[in-house]
Amino acid sequence: MADRPLIGVSTYLEFGARWGVWELEAALLPAGYPRLVQRAGGLAVMLPPDAPEHAAAAVARLDGLVIAGGPDVEPSRYGAAPGPRTGPPDRARDAWELALIEAAWTRGVPLLGICRGMQLLNVALGGTLVQHLDGHAGGPGLFGSHPVRPVPGTRYAAVVPEETSVPAYHHQAVDRLGAGLVASAHAADGTVEAVELPSGPWVLGVQWHPEMGEDVRVVRALVEAAAASRAGGAPERAGLTPA
């Protein structure tokens, strides 16, 4: 693309980041995310956490949005108590990324949620999460790999029509689907591996980590949708209406 779409990727704050003689708080994002956006034909920009009321202004400058992976979504966001293996909440990140999702929906900006990002998308639309399952990681700090099968007729299947092996690292998953979402891929154990809105703005979530693999098709589809949306001038719409 001669004029590459601008794709924002959410980041997170971490304490104790070190470089040179410094050990400071830092806004972090694994390099695989911007590299994947670049390989897929987009320009990547990092979105550090900010006040939720600034999300609309940030998204207004973007052609597409990626909500990155990370820690567990706070269970109170979907009306549940924390399970014994649910991690500590990051309330500021939850609030910021939920506001980004809302702003992208309102403006019709194409949106891709990755791992936690898919789970947060489901929660934003009134869905719930399984707080722990086994077999979807390779061990602490190690990505696992397992096959994912697309659901015929979905947007995801149009992008990746065959069963593929994907890099995975998660212990939570979608339980009840949010309003309007459909499952568009599953793992062999039945875990929902992709969700999407079948009509309206381009919205897709994947439970695995494409930034850790070589397959750029999902993110290329986001970039292409972002280019088409920018050219067509996506209409404003009402805010999210969770179930």
C-alpha atoms as a PDB file:
ATOM      1  CA  MET A   1       0.000   0.000   0.000  1.00  0.00           C
ATOM      2  CA  ALA A   2       1.386   3.381  -0.994  1.00  0.00           C
ATOM      3  CA  ASP A   3      -0.339   5.096   1.943  1.00  0.00           C
ATOM      4  CA  ARG A   4      -0.186   2.609   4.775  1.00  0.00           C
ATOM      5  CA  PRO A   5      -3.054   2.659   7.301  1.00  0.00           C
ATOM      6  CA  LEU A   6      -2.201   3.815  10.824  1.00  0.00           C
ATOM      7  CA  ILE A   7      -2.846   0.976  13.293  1.00  0.00           C
ATOM      8  CA  GLY A   8      -2.805   1.713  17.013  1.00  0.00           C
ATOM      9  CA  VAL A   9      -1.753  -1.033  19.446  1.00  0.00           C
ATOM     10  CA  SER A  10      -2.554  -0.765  23.152  1.00  0.00           C
ATOM     11  CA  THR A  11       0.372  -0.981  25.573  1.00  0.00           C
ATOM     12  CA  TYR A  12       0.698  -1.379  29.335  1.00  0.00           C
ATOM     13  CA  LEU A  13       2.722   0.022  32.216  1.00  0.00           C
ATOM     14  CA  GLU A  14       5.336  -2.078  33.972  1.00  0.00           C
ATOM     15  CA  PHE A  15       7.547  -1.184  36.935  1.00  0.00           C
ATOM     16  CA  GLY A  16      11.223  -2.130  37.041  1.00  0.00           C
ATOM     17  CA  ALA A  17      11.970  -2.034  33.308  1.00  0.00           C
ATOM     18  CA  ARG A  18      15.751  -1.818  32.853  1.00  0.00           C
ATOM     19  CA  TRP A  19      17.963  -0.357  30.155  1.00  0.00           C
ATOM     20  CA  GLY A  20      21.508   0.935  30.597  1.00  0.00           C
ATOM     21  CA  VAL A  21      21.818   2.360  34.101  1.00  0.00           C
ATOM     22  CA  TRP A  22      18.067   2.986  34.374  1.00  0.00           C
ATOM     23  CA  GLU A  23      15.314   1.064  36.140  1.00  0.00           C
ATOM     24  CA  LEU A  24      12.030   2.899  35.673  1.00  0.00           C
ATOM     25  CA  GLU A  25       8.346   2.493  34.987  1.00  0.00           C
ATOM     26  CA  ALA A  26       7.835   1.982  31.255  1.00  0.00           C
ATOM     27  CA  ALA A  27       5.018   1.714  28.729  1.00  0.00           C
ATOM     28  CA  LEU A  28       5.727  -1.686  27.191  1.00  0.00           C
ATOM     29  CA  LEU A  29       4.657  -3.706  24.189  1.00  0.00           C
ATOM     30  CA  PRO A  30       6.349  -6.874  22.932  1.00  0.00           C
ATOM     31  CA  ALA A  31       8.071  -6.008  19.650  1.00  0.00           C
ATOM     32  CA  GLY A  32       6.183  -8.778  17.843  1.00  0.00           C
ATOM     33  CA  TYR A  33       3.051  -6.623  17.750  1.00  0.00           C
ATOM     34  CA  PRO A  34       4.384  -3.610  15.812  1.00  0.00           C
ATOM     35  CA  ARG A  35       6.492  -5.879  13.632  1.00  0.00           C
ATOM     36  CA  LEU A  36       3.422  -7.907  12.679  1.00  0.00           C
ATOM     37  CA  VAL A  37       1.477  -4.742  11.809  1.00  0.00           C
ATOM     38  CA  GLN A  38       4.400  -3.567   9.680  1.00  0.00           C
ATOM     39  CA  ARG A  39       4.724  -6.927   7.910  1.00  0.00           C
ATOM     40  CA  ALA A  40       0.991  -6.817   7.186  1.00  0.00           C
ATOM     41  CA  GLY A  41       1.295  -3.439   5.456  1.00  0.00           C
ATOM     42  CA  GLY A  42       0.352  -1.024   8.246  1.00  0.00           C
ATOM     43  CA  LEU A  43       2.060   1.726  10.193  1.00  0.00           C
ATOM     44  CA  ALA A  44       2.152   0.820  13.883  1.00  0.00           C
ATOM     45  CA  VAL A  45       1.698   3.335  16.683  1.00  0.00           C
ATOM     46  CA  MET A  46       1.813   2.454  20.382  1.00  0.00           C
ATOM     47  CA  LEU A  47      -1.027   3.637  22.639  1.00  0.00           C
ATOM     48  CA  PRO A  48       0.147   3.974  26.257  1.00  0.00           C
ATOM     49  CA  PRO A  49      -2.511   3.870  28.980  1.00  0.00           C
ATOM     50  CA  ASP A  50      -4.358   7.159  29.402  1.00  0.00           C
ATOM     51  CA  ALA A  51      -7.546   8.445  30.991  1.00  0.00           C
ATOM     52  CA  PRO A  52     -10.573   6.714  29.454  1.00  0.00           C
ATOM     53  CA  GLU A  53     -12.064  10.051  28.410  1.00  0.00           C
ATOM     54  CA  HIS A  54      -9.157  10.493  25.990  1.00  0.00           C
ATOM     55  CA  ALA A  55      -9.823   7.250  24.115  1.00  0.00           C
ATOM     56  CA  ALA A  56     -12.155   8.802  21.548  1.00  0.00           C
ATOM     57  CA  ALA A  57      -9.570  11.436  20.606  1.00  0.00           C
ATOM     58  CA  ALA A  58      -6.893   8.754  20.206  1.00  0.00           C
ATOM     59  CA  VAL A  59      -9.063   6.479  18.070  1.00  0.00           C
ATOM     60  CA  ALA A  60     -10.157   9.417  15.895  1.00  0.00           C
ATOM     61  CA  ARG A  61      -6.574   9.600  14.599  1.00  0.00           C
ATOM     62  CA  LEU A  62      -6.374   5.881  13.759  1.00  0.00           C
ATOM     63  CA  ASP A  63      -7.386   3.749  10.794  1.00  0.00           C
ATOM     64  CA  GLY A  64      -7.402   0.527  12.811  1.00  0.00           C
ATOM     65  CA  LEU A  65      -6.936  -0.683  16.386  1.00  0.00           C
ATOM     66  CA  VAL A  66      -5.332  -3.725  18.047  1.00  0.00           C
ATOM     67  CA  ILE A  67      -6.036  -4.522  21.698  1.00  0.00           C
ATOM     68  CA  ALA A  68      -2.993  -6.499  22.807  1.00  0.00           C
ATOM     69  CA  GLY A  69      -2.659  -9.488  25.100  1.00  0.00           C
ATOM     70  CA  GLY A  70      -1.872  -9.258  28.784  1.00  0.00           C
ATOM     71  CA  PRO A  71      -3.174 -10.037  32.290  1.00  0.00           C
ATOM     72  CA  ASP A  72      -6.598 -11.298  33.304  1.00  0.00           C
ATOM     73  CA  VAL A  73      -9.625  -9.030  32.969  1.00  0.00           C
ATOM     74  CA  GLU A  74     -11.053  -8.155  36.393  1.00  0.00           C
ATOM     75  CA  PRO A  75     -13.966 -10.578  36.978  1.00  0.00           C
ATOM     76  CA  SER A  76     -16.208  -7.853  38.401  1.00  0.00           C
ATOM     77  CA  ARG A  77     -16.340  -6.471  34.856  1.00  0.00           C
ATOM     78  CA  TYR A  78     -18.510  -9.457  33.934  1.00  0.00           C
ATOM     79  CA  GLY A  79     -20.305  -9.911  37.245  1.00  0.00           C
ATOM     80  CA  ALA A  80     -18.123 -12.669  38.725  1.00  0.00           C
ATOM     81  CA  ALA A  81     -15.982 -13.134  41.812  1.00  0.00           C
ATOM     82  CA  PRO A  82     -12.268 -13.871  41.274  1.00  0.00           C
ATOM     83  CA  GLY A  83     -11.412 -17.550  40.985  1.00  0.00           C
ATOM     84  CA  PRO A  84      -8.463 -19.062  42.902  1.00  0.00           C
ATOM     85  CA  ARG A  85      -6.215 -18.979  39.808  1.00  0.00           C
ATOM     86  CA  THR A  86      -7.262 -15.596  38.426  1.00  0.00           C
ATOM     87  CA  GLY A  87      -4.486 -13.028  38.397  1.00  0.00           C
ATOM     88  CA  PRO A  88      -4.514  -9.618  40.103  1.00  0.00           C
ATOM     89  CA  PRO A  89      -6.491  -6.925  38.291  1.00  0.00           C
ATOM     90  CA  ASP A  90      -5.071  -4.037  36.297  1.00  0.00           C
ATOM     91  CA  ARG A  91      -8.043  -1.708  36.659  1.00  0.00           C
ATOM     92  CA  ALA A  92      -6.469   1.241  34.851  1.00  0.00           C
ATOM     93  CA  ARG A  93      -5.663  -0.907  31.827  1.00  0.00           C
ATOM     94  CA  ASP A  94      -9.131  -2.476  31.808  1.00  0.00           C
ATOM     95  CA  ALA A  95     -10.749   0.966  31.838  1.00  0.00           C
ATOM     96  CA  TRP A  96      -8.487   2.380  29.108  1.00  0.00           C
ATOM     97  CA  GLU A  97      -8.835  -0.549  26.731  1.00  0.00           C
ATOM     98  CA  LEU A  98     -12.590  -0.821  27.244  1.00  0.00           C
ATOM     99  CA  ALA A  99     -12.800   2.878  26.355  1.00  0.00           C
ATOM    100  CA  LEU A 100     -10.704   2.241  23.226  1.00  0.00           C
ATOM    101  CA  ILE A 101     -13.051  -0.576  22.192  1.00  0.00           C
ATOM    102  CA  GLU A 102     -16.073   1.657  22.743  1.00  0.00           C
ATOM    103  CA  ALA A 103     -14.491   4.464  20.705  1.00  0.00           C
ATOM    104  CA  ALA A 104     -13.553   2.123  17.850  1.00  0.00           C
ATOM    105  CA  TRP A 105     -17.097   0.731  17.754  1.00  0.00           C
ATOM    106  CA  THR A 106     -18.635   4.198  17.780  1.00  0.00           C
ATOM    107  CA  ARG A 107     -16.461   5.435  14.907  1.00  0.00           C
ATOM    108  CA  GLY A 108     -16.564   2.193  12.908  1.00  0.00           C
ATOM    109  CA  VAL A 109     -12.779   1.779  13.175  1.00  0.00           C
ATOM    110  CA  PRO A 110     -11.708  -1.819  12.390  1.00  0.00           C
ATOM    111  CA  LEU A 111     -10.725  -3.621  15.576  1.00  0.00           C
ATOM    112  CA  LEU A 112      -8.683  -6.735  16.340  1.00  0.00           C
ATOM    113  CA  GLY A 113      -8.462  -8.168  19.852  1.00  0.00           C
ATOM    114  CA  ILE A 114      -5.579 -10.526  20.606  1.00  0.00           C
ATOM    115  CA  CYS A 115      -5.796 -12.978  23.547  1.00  0.00           C
ATOM    116  CA  ARG A 116      -6.783 -10.694  26.466  1.00  0.00           C
ATOM    117  CA  GLY A 117      -7.965  -8.256  23.785  1.00  0.00           C
ATOM    118  CA  MET A 118     -10.469 -10.828  22.515  1.00  0.00           C
ATOM    119  CA  GLN A 119     -11.620 -11.562  26.059  1.00  0.00           C
ATOM    120  CA  LEU A 120     -12.048  -7.838  26.785  1.00  0.00           C
ATOM    121  CA  LEU A 121     -14.031  -7.405  23.564  1.00  0.00           C
ATOM    122  CA  ASN A 122     -16.369 -10.175  24.709  1.00  0.00           C
ATOM    123  CA  VAL A 123     -16.750  -8.543  28.141  1.00  0.00           C
ATOM    124  CA  ALA A 124     -17.379  -5.130  26.547  1.00  0.00           C
ATOM    125  CA  LEU A 125     -20.370  -6.663  24.765  1.00  0.00           C
ATOM    126  CA  GLY A 126     -21.777  -8.264  27.907  1.00  0.00           C
ATOM    127  CA  GLY A 127     -20.123 -11.685  27.676  1.00  0.00           C
ATOM    128  CA  THR A 128     -18.400 -13.706  30.386  1.00  0.00           C
ATOM    129  CA  LEU A 129     -15.124 -15.601  30.722  1.00  0.00           C
ATOM    130  CA  VAL A 130     -13.916 -18.994  31.888  1.00  0.00           C
ATOM    131  CA  GLN A 131     -11.450 -18.037  34.597  1.00  0.00           C
ATOM    132  CA  HIS A 132      -9.152 -21.036  34.229  1.00  0.00           C
ATOM    133  CA  LEU A 133      -8.519 -23.861  31.801  1.00  0.00           C
ATOM    134  CA  ASP A 134      -5.459 -26.008  31.177  1.00  0.00           C
ATOM    135  CA  GLY A 135      -3.635 -27.006  28.012  1.00  0.00           C
ATOM    136  CA  HIS A 136      -3.355 -23.680  26.184  1.00  0.00           C
ATOM    137  CA  ALA A 137       0.202 -22.690  27.119  1.00  0.00           C
ATOM    138  CA  GLY A 138       3.590 -24.318  26.959  1.00  0.00           C
ATOM    139  CA  GLY A 139       4.481 -23.580  30.592  1.00  0.00           C
ATOM    140  CA  PRO A 140       5.485 -20.387  32.422  1.00  0.00           C
ATOM    141  CA  GLY A 141       6.889 -17.979  29.846  1.00  0.00           C
ATOM    142  CA  LEU A 142       6.608 -20.536  27.016  1.00  0.00           C
ATOM    143  CA  PHE A 143       4.124 -20.414  24.147  1.00  0.00           C
ATOM    144  CA  GLY A 144       2.361 -23.614  23.285  1.00  0.00           C
ATOM    145  CA  SER A 145       0.975 -24.637  19.905  1.00  0.00           C
ATOM    146  CA  HIS A 146      -2.324 -26.262  18.978  1.00  0.00           C
ATOM    147  CA  PRO A 147      -4.659 -26.475  15.962  1.00  0.00           C
ATOM    148  CA  VAL A 148      -7.531 -24.063  15.422  1.00  0.00           C
ATOM    149  CA  ARG A 149     -10.424 -24.872  13.096  1.00  0.00           C
ATOM    150  CA  PRO A 150     -12.421 -22.065  11.420  1.00  0.00           C
ATOM    151  CA  VAL A 151     -16.211 -22.003  11.352  1.00  0.00           C
ATOM    152  CA  PRO A 152     -17.321 -22.066   7.686  1.00  0.00           C
ATOM    153  CA  GLY A 153     -19.035 -18.940   6.444  1.00  0.00           C
ATOM    154  CA  THR A 154     -17.444 -16.559   8.945  1.00  0.00           C
ATOM    155  CA  ARG A 155     -15.188 -13.603   8.271  1.00  0.00           C
ATOM    156  CA  TYR A 156     -12.328 -15.445   9.897  1.00  0.00           C
ATOM    157  CA  ALA A 157     -12.831 -18.470   7.640  1.00  0.00           C
ATOM    158  CA  ALA A 158     -12.727 -16.164   4.612  1.00  0.00           C
ATOM    159  CA  VAL A 159      -9.272 -15.019   5.757  1.00  0.00           C
ATOM    160  CA  VAL A 160      -7.935 -18.379   7.017  1.00  0.00           C
ATOM    161  CA  PRO A 161     -10.067 -21.135   5.447  1.00  0.00           C
ATOM    162  CA  GLU A 162      -8.042 -24.104   6.638  1.00  0.00           C
ATOM    163  CA  GLU A 163      -7.175 -25.561  10.053  1.00  0.00           C
ATOM    164  CA  THR A 164      -3.930 -24.023  11.292  1.00  0.00           C
ATOM    165  CA  SER A 165      -1.557 -24.479  14.194  1.00  0.00           C
ATOM    166  CA  VAL A 166      -1.310 -21.313  16.290  1.00  0.00           C
ATOM    167  CA  PRO A 167       0.989 -20.032  19.076  1.00  0.00           C
ATOM    168  CA  ALA A 168      -0.992 -19.908  22.323  1.00  0.00           C
ATOM    169  CA  TYR A 169      -0.448 -18.690  25.870  1.00  0.00           C
ATOM    170  CA  HIS A 170      -3.601 -18.207  27.923  1.00  0.00           C
ATOM    171  CA  HIS A 171      -5.491 -19.784  30.802  1.00  0.00           C
ATOM    172  CA  GLN A 172      -8.789 -17.937  30.375  1.00  0.00           C
ATOM    173  CA  ALA A 173     -11.290 -18.063  27.538  1.00  0.00           C
ATOM    174  CA  VAL A 174     -14.694 -16.931  26.339  1.00  0.00           C
ATOM    175  CA  ASP A 175     -17.650 -18.484  28.170  1.00  0.00           C
ATOM    176  CA  ARG A 176     -20.941 -16.769  27.244  1.00  0.00           C
ATOM    177  CA  LEU A 177     -20.638 -14.759  24.050  1.00  0.00           C
ATOM    178  CA  GLY A 178     -21.282 -11.040  24.154  1.00  0.00           C
ATOM    179  CA  ALA A 179     -24.170  -9.434  22.306  1.00  0.00           C
ATOM    180  CA  GLY A 180     -23.881  -9.841  18.539  1.00  0.00           C
ATOM    181  CA  LEU A 181     -20.665 -11.860  18.631  1.00  0.00           C
ATOM    182  CA  VAL A 182     -20.378 -15.263  16.979  1.00  0.00           C
ATOM    183  CA  ALA A 183     -17.669 -17.875  17.427  1.00  0.00           C
ATOM    184  CA  SER A 184     -15.613 -18.178  14.244  1.00  0.00           C
ATOM    185  CA  ALA A 185     -12.942 -20.720  15.277  1.00  0.00           C
ATOM    186  CA  HIS A 186     -12.518 -23.430  17.893  1.00  0.00           C
ATOM    187  CA  ALA A 187      -9.730 -25.541  19.372  1.00  0.00           C
ATOM    188  CA  ALA A 188     -10.048 -29.318  19.457  1.00  0.00           C
ATOM    189  CA  ASP A 189     -11.296 -29.172  23.068  1.00  0.00           C
ATOM    190  CA  GLY A 190     -14.108 -26.803  22.071  1.00  0.00           C
ATOM    191  CA  THR A 191     -12.516 -23.614  23.381  1.00  0.00           C
ATOM    192  CA  VAL A 192     -13.680 -20.569  21.422  1.00  0.00           C
ATOM    193  CA  GLU A 193     -10.557 -19.403  19.574  1.00  0.00           C
ATOM    194  CA  ALA A 194     -11.993 -16.538  17.512  1.00  0.00           C
ATOM    195  CA  VAL A 195     -15.033 -14.274  17.746  1.00  0.00           C
ATOM    196  CA  GLU A 196     -16.401 -11.687  15.358  1.00  0.00           C
ATOM    197  CA  LEU A 197     -19.283  -9.428  14.501  1.00  0.00           C
ATOM    198  CA  PRO A 198     -20.815 -10.943  11.366  1.00  0.00           C
ATOM    199  CA  SER A 199     -22.099  -7.584  10.115  1.00  0.00           C
ATOM    200  CA  GLY A 200     -21.385  -3.928  10.662  1.00  0.00           C
ATOM    201  CA  PRO A 201     -17.854  -2.718  11.442  1.00  0.00           C
ATOM    202  CA  TRP A 202     -14.904  -5.093  10.986  1.00  0.00           C
ATOM    203  CA  VAL A 203     -14.452  -6.561  14.481  1.00  0.00           C
ATOM    204  CA  LEU A 204     -12.501  -9.762  15.147  1.00  0.00           C
ATOM    205  CA  GLY A 205     -10.888 -11.340  18.184  1.00  0.00           C
ATOM    206  CA  VAL A 206      -8.420 -14.225  18.248  1.00  0.00           C
ATOM    207  CA  GLN A 207      -7.440 -16.117  21.385  1.00  0.00           C
ATOM    208  CA  TRP A 208      -3.932 -16.966  20.203  1.00  0.00           C
ATOM    209  CA  HIS A 209      -0.880 -14.763  19.609  1.00  0.00           C
ATOM    210  CA  PRO A 210      -0.309 -14.103  15.881  1.00  0.00           C
ATOM    211  CA  GLU A 211       2.562 -11.776  16.782  1.00  0.00           C
ATOM    212  CA  MET A 212       4.512 -14.879  17.855  1.00  0.00           C
ATOM    213  CA  GLY A 213       4.060 -16.685  14.518  1.00  0.00           C
ATOM    214  CA  GLU A 214       4.672 -16.215  10.814  1.00  0.00           C
ATOM    215  CA  ASP A 215       1.080 -16.055   9.543  1.00  0.00           C
ATOM    216  CA  VAL A 216       0.147 -12.418   8.848  1.00  0.00           C
ATOM    217  CA  ARG A 217      -3.268 -13.073   7.284  1.00  0.00           C
ATOM    218  CA  VAL A 218      -5.399 -11.988  10.239  1.00  0.00           C
ATOM    219  CA  VAL A 219      -3.545  -8.706  10.726  1.00  0.00           C
ATOM    220  CA  ARG A 220      -3.370  -8.127   6.966  1.00  0.00           C
ATOM    221  CA  ALA A 221      -7.166  -8.433   6.920  1.00  0.00           C
ATOM    222  CA  LEU A 222      -7.315  -5.769   9.649  1.00  0.00           C
ATOM    223  CA  VAL A 223      -5.013  -3.485   7.653  1.00  0.00           C
ATOM    224  CA  GLU A 224      -7.061  -3.976   4.495  1.00  0.00           C
ATOM    225  CA  ALA A 225     -10.289  -3.269   6.396  1.00  0.00           C
ATOM    226  CA  ALA A 226      -8.681  -0.143   7.849  1.00  0.00           C
ATOM    227  CA  ALA A 227      -7.709   1.074   4.382  1.00  0.00           C
ATOM    228  CA  ALA A 228     -11.219   0.403   3.051  1.00  0.00           C
ATOM    229  CA  SER A 229     -12.860   2.080   6.049  1.00  0.00           C
ATOM    230  CA  ARG A 230     -10.697   5.178   5.653  1.00  0.00           C
ATOM    231  CA  ALA A 231     -11.473   5.389   1.946  1.00  0.00           C
ATOM    232  CA  GLY A 232     -15.193   4.932   2.526  1.00  0.00           C
ATOM    233  CA  GLY A 233     -15.518   7.183   5.558  1.00  0.00           C
ATOM    234  CA  ALA A 234     -16.986   4.826   8.179  1.00  0.00           C
ATOM    235  CA  PRO A 235     -20.178   6.236   9.720  1.00  0.00           C
ATOM    236  CA  GLU A 236     -20.558   7.160  13.371  1.00  0.00           C
ATOM    237  CA  ARG A 237     -22.803   4.758  15.322  1.00  0.00           C
ATOM    238  CA  ALA A 238     -24.372   4.524  18.746  1.00  0.00           C
ATOM    239  CA  GLY A 239     -22.295   3.259  21.673  1.00  0.00           C
ATOM    240  CA  LEU A 240     -21.971  -0.379  22.648  1.00  0.00           C
ATOM    241  CA  THR A 241     -25.070  -2.054  24.051  1.00  0.00           C
ATOM    242  CA  PRO A 242     -23.946  -5.105  26.062  1.00  0.00           C
ATOM    243  CA  ALA A 243     -26.410  -7.898  26.789  1.00  0.00           C
END
